[in-house]
Amino acid sequence: MKSSPPSKTLSNDASETLEPSSDFAYRERTKAELLDSLKNSMEQVLAGDYRPALEVLDEIDSEAQDKPTRVNIPPDFNRQVRHLRRKYPSVTAEVRQLVYQLQDGQRPGDAVPDVGYAGVYKERLRNRSARRGKQGGFRLIYYEQYTELVFLLLIYSKTEVDNIPAHEIREVLERVTQSGSV
């Protein structure tokens, strides 16, 4: 008689156990829950029912305990999000979606040349508030210091700012990494 493999217990105070064969179903359910959460967040933002960006981004930061990558959100970045949120309420949900991708180990975007550091990326985000796609949307610049640590550096609307020079990105990066915002 063949015995079944031992079940594993979920972390983070979950009392249910999963059989190894149901692991895939659990991951798919978790992805579906995340997508539903993002959809609900977008609907709330577009309806004007949203919490301040600072609270939302802090919530994201605190949820990162079991993710492969920690995403550091410095106070200057939060200020930039609050400023953009006045005109474009959907910015918080767009940033949240990118943070989830970064936490899962993905590195979307294009490498930014001439900054003097490897691991600096610029990602194009949609601007649903202005009903624009990625071309007229937001630009978010982040720095992958280590595989498991990412800093969000800058975010801006492409309709308001054409480009940010490499030397300004370098200054922000040095200020954020030296300030101990880890």
Protein backbone atom coordinates (compact mmCIF):
# COMPACT_ATOMS: atom_id res chain seq x y z
CA MET A 1 0.00 0.00 0.00
CA LYS A 2 1.47 3.33 -1.09
CA SER A 3 1.26 6.20 1.39
CA SER A 4 0.44 9.69 0.21
CA PRO A 5 3.07 12.42 0.54
CA PRO A 6 2.76 14.61 3.61
CA SER A 7 0.67 17.73 3.26
CA LYS A 8 2.24 21.09 3.79
CA THR A 9 0.88 23.82 6.00
CA LEU A 10 0.41 27.34 4.72
CA SER A 11 2.36 30.06 6.48
CA ASN A 12 1.00 33.37 7.78
CA ASP A 13 -1.40 31.92 10.36
CA ALA A 14 -3.38 29.86 7.85
CA SER A 15 -4.80 26.74 9.48
CA GLU A 16 -5.68 24.86 6.30
CA THR A 17 -3.31 22.40 4.74
CA LEU A 18 -2.80 21.67 1.09
CA GLU A 19 -1.93 18.42 -0.54
CA PRO A 20 0.95 18.77 -3.01
CA SER A 21 -1.41 18.02 -5.89
CA SER A 22 -3.62 20.98 -4.95
CA ASP A 23 -0.69 23.42 -4.77
CA PHE A 24 -1.33 24.57 -8.34
CA ALA A 25 -5.01 25.18 -7.59
CA TYR A 26 -4.03 27.25 -4.56
CA ARG A 27 -1.68 29.43 -6.65
CA GLU A 28 -4.33 29.91 -9.33
CA ARG A 29 -6.89 30.87 -6.66
CA THR A 30 -4.41 33.35 -5.16
CA LYS A 31 -3.79 34.93 -8.60
CA ALA A 32 -7.54 35.20 -9.17
CA GLU A 33 -8.00 36.86 -5.77
CA LEU A 34 -5.20 39.33 -6.56
CA LEU A 35 -6.72 40.19 -9.93
CA ASP A 36 -10.15 40.67 -8.33
CA SER A 37 -8.58 42.90 -5.70
CA LEU A 38 -6.82 45.00 -8.36
CA LYS A 39 -10.04 45.27 -10.38
CA ASN A 40 -11.98 46.39 -7.29
CA SER A 41 -9.26 48.90 -6.45
CA MET A 42 -9.37 50.36 -9.96
CA GLU A 43 -13.16 50.65 -9.80
CA GLN A 44 -12.93 52.43 -6.43
CA VAL A 45 -10.28 54.82 -7.70
CA LEU A 46 -12.23 55.65 -10.84
CA ALA A 47 -15.36 56.21 -8.73
CA GLY A 48 -13.41 58.59 -6.48
CA ASP A 49 -13.59 56.29 -3.44
CA TYR A 50 -9.94 55.85 -2.52
CA ARG A 51 -7.68 56.18 0.49
CA PRO A 52 -4.67 58.46 0.41
CA ALA A 53 -1.87 57.05 -1.70
CA LEU A 54 0.46 57.00 1.30
CA GLU A 55 -1.78 54.55 3.16
CA VAL A 56 -2.28 52.35 0.12
CA LEU A 57 1.42 52.18 -0.67
CA ASP A 58 2.26 51.51 2.99
CA GLU A 59 -0.25 48.66 2.89
CA ILE A 60 1.54 47.21 -0.13
CA ASP A 61 4.87 47.51 1.66
CA SER A 62 3.56 45.65 4.71
CA GLU A 63 2.10 42.84 2.56
CA ALA A 64 5.54 41.98 1.15
CA GLN A 65 6.60 39.68 3.97
CA ASP A 66 6.31 36.45 1.98
CA LYS A 67 7.35 37.76 -1.44
CA PRO A 68 10.76 37.09 -3.03
CA THR A 69 11.48 40.82 -3.52
CA ARG A 70 11.03 43.67 -1.04
CA VAL A 71 9.95 46.94 -2.67
CA ASN A 72 11.08 50.03 -0.80
CA ILE A 73 8.78 53.06 -1.20
CA PRO A 74 10.61 56.20 0.00
CA PRO A 75 8.72 59.26 1.32
CA ASP A 76 9.67 61.35 -1.75
CA PHE A 77 8.04 58.79 -4.00
CA ASN A 78 4.88 58.87 -1.86
CA ARG A 79 4.79 62.67 -2.25
CA GLN A 80 5.05 62.32 -6.02
CA VAL A 81 2.15 59.85 -6.03
CA ARG A 82 0.01 62.15 -3.85
CA HIS A 83 0.73 65.06 -6.20
CA LEU A 84 -0.23 63.03 -9.29
CA ARG A 85 -3.29 61.57 -7.56
CA ARG A 86 -4.90 65.02 -7.35
CA LYS A 87 -5.18 65.14 -11.12
CA TYR A 88 -5.07 61.41 -11.91
CA PRO A 89 -6.82 59.30 -9.23
CA SER A 90 -5.91 56.01 -10.93
CA VAL A 91 -2.17 56.45 -10.34
CA THR A 92 -2.29 54.59 -7.01
CA ALA A 93 -3.83 51.48 -8.54
CA GLU A 94 -1.34 51.53 -11.42
CA VAL A 95 1.59 51.76 -9.00
CA ARG A 96 0.10 49.02 -6.85
CA GLN A 97 -0.10 46.70 -9.84
CA LEU A 98 3.56 47.35 -10.70
CA VAL A 99 4.64 46.82 -7.08
CA TYR A 100 2.98 43.40 -7.08
CA GLN A 101 4.92 42.50 -10.24
CA LEU A 102 8.19 43.66 -8.67
CA GLN A 103 7.49 41.74 -5.46
CA ASP A 104 6.99 38.58 -7.49
CA GLY A 105 10.46 38.96 -9.01
CA GLN A 106 9.47 40.42 -12.37
CA ARG A 107 11.48 43.35 -13.75
CA PRO A 108 9.29 45.12 -16.32
CA GLY A 109 10.48 48.14 -18.23
CA ASP A 110 13.58 49.21 -20.08
CA ALA A 111 17.03 49.76 -18.64
CA VAL A 112 17.88 53.46 -18.28
CA PRO A 113 21.28 54.20 -19.86
CA ASP A 114 23.90 56.71 -18.68
CA VAL A 115 22.83 56.73 -15.03
CA GLY A 116 26.04 55.16 -13.83
CA TYR A 117 24.28 52.28 -12.06
CA ALA A 118 23.14 48.95 -13.43
CA GLY A 119 19.63 47.92 -12.48
CA VAL A 120 17.80 51.22 -13.12
CA TYR A 121 14.61 50.70 -15.10
CA LYS A 122 11.85 52.89 -16.54
CA GLU A 123 8.38 51.34 -16.79
CA ARG A 124 5.51 52.82 -18.76
CA LEU A 125 2.18 52.72 -16.93
CA ARG A 126 -1.28 53.47 -18.32
CA ASN A 127 -3.19 56.53 -17.19
CA ARG A 128 -6.79 55.39 -16.88
CA SER A 129 -7.86 58.70 -15.33
CA ALA A 130 -6.98 60.59 -18.50
CA ARG A 131 -8.14 57.68 -20.69
CA ARG A 132 -4.71 57.34 -22.18
CA GLY A 133 -2.66 54.28 -22.84
CA LYS A 134 0.96 53.83 -21.90
CA GLN A 135 2.18 56.40 -24.42
CA GLY A 136 0.54 59.33 -22.62
CA GLY A 137 0.58 57.66 -19.21
CA PHE A 138 3.00 57.58 -16.32
CA ARG A 139 6.68 56.77 -16.18
CA LEU A 140 7.98 55.04 -13.07
CA ILE A 141 11.71 54.71 -12.50
CA TYR A 142 12.96 52.08 -10.08
CA TYR A 143 16.31 50.67 -8.99
CA GLU A 144 17.06 47.02 -8.36
CA GLN A 145 19.82 47.22 -5.75
CA TYR A 146 19.80 43.47 -5.15
CA THR A 147 17.65 40.69 -6.56
CA GLU A 148 15.53 40.87 -3.43
CA LEU A 149 15.49 44.68 -2.93
CA VAL A 150 13.97 47.31 -5.24
CA PHE A 151 13.64 51.07 -4.65
CA LEU A 152 10.91 53.12 -6.32
CA LEU A 153 12.65 56.36 -7.30
CA LEU A 154 10.46 58.60 -9.46
CA ILE A 155 7.04 58.73 -11.02
CA TYR A 156 5.75 61.38 -13.41
CA SER A 157 3.11 61.95 -16.02
CA LYS A 158 4.42 61.86 -19.57
CA THR A 159 1.96 64.63 -20.49
CA GLU A 160 3.54 66.94 -17.89
CA VAL A 161 7.24 65.99 -18.11
CA ASP A 162 8.91 64.85 -21.32
CA ASN A 163 11.96 63.09 -19.83
CA ILE A 164 14.08 63.22 -16.71
CA PRO A 165 17.82 63.54 -17.38
CA ALA A 166 20.13 60.74 -16.26
CA HIS A 167 22.00 63.00 -13.81
CA GLU A 168 18.74 63.80 -11.95
CA ILE A 169 17.90 60.09 -11.71
CA ARG A 170 21.41 59.46 -10.36
CA GLU A 171 20.98 62.19 -7.70
CA VAL A 172 17.66 60.74 -6.52
CA LEU A 173 19.10 57.22 -6.50
CA GLU A 174 22.10 58.26 -4.42
CA ARG A 175 19.92 60.21 -1.98
CA VAL A 176 17.52 57.29 -1.52
CA THR A 177 20.15 54.59 -1.12
CA GLN A 178 22.34 56.68 1.22
CA SER A 179 19.46 57.80 3.43
CA GLY A 180 18.94 54.24 4.66
CA SER A 181 15.38 54.02 3.37
CA VAL A 182 15.64 50.26 3.61
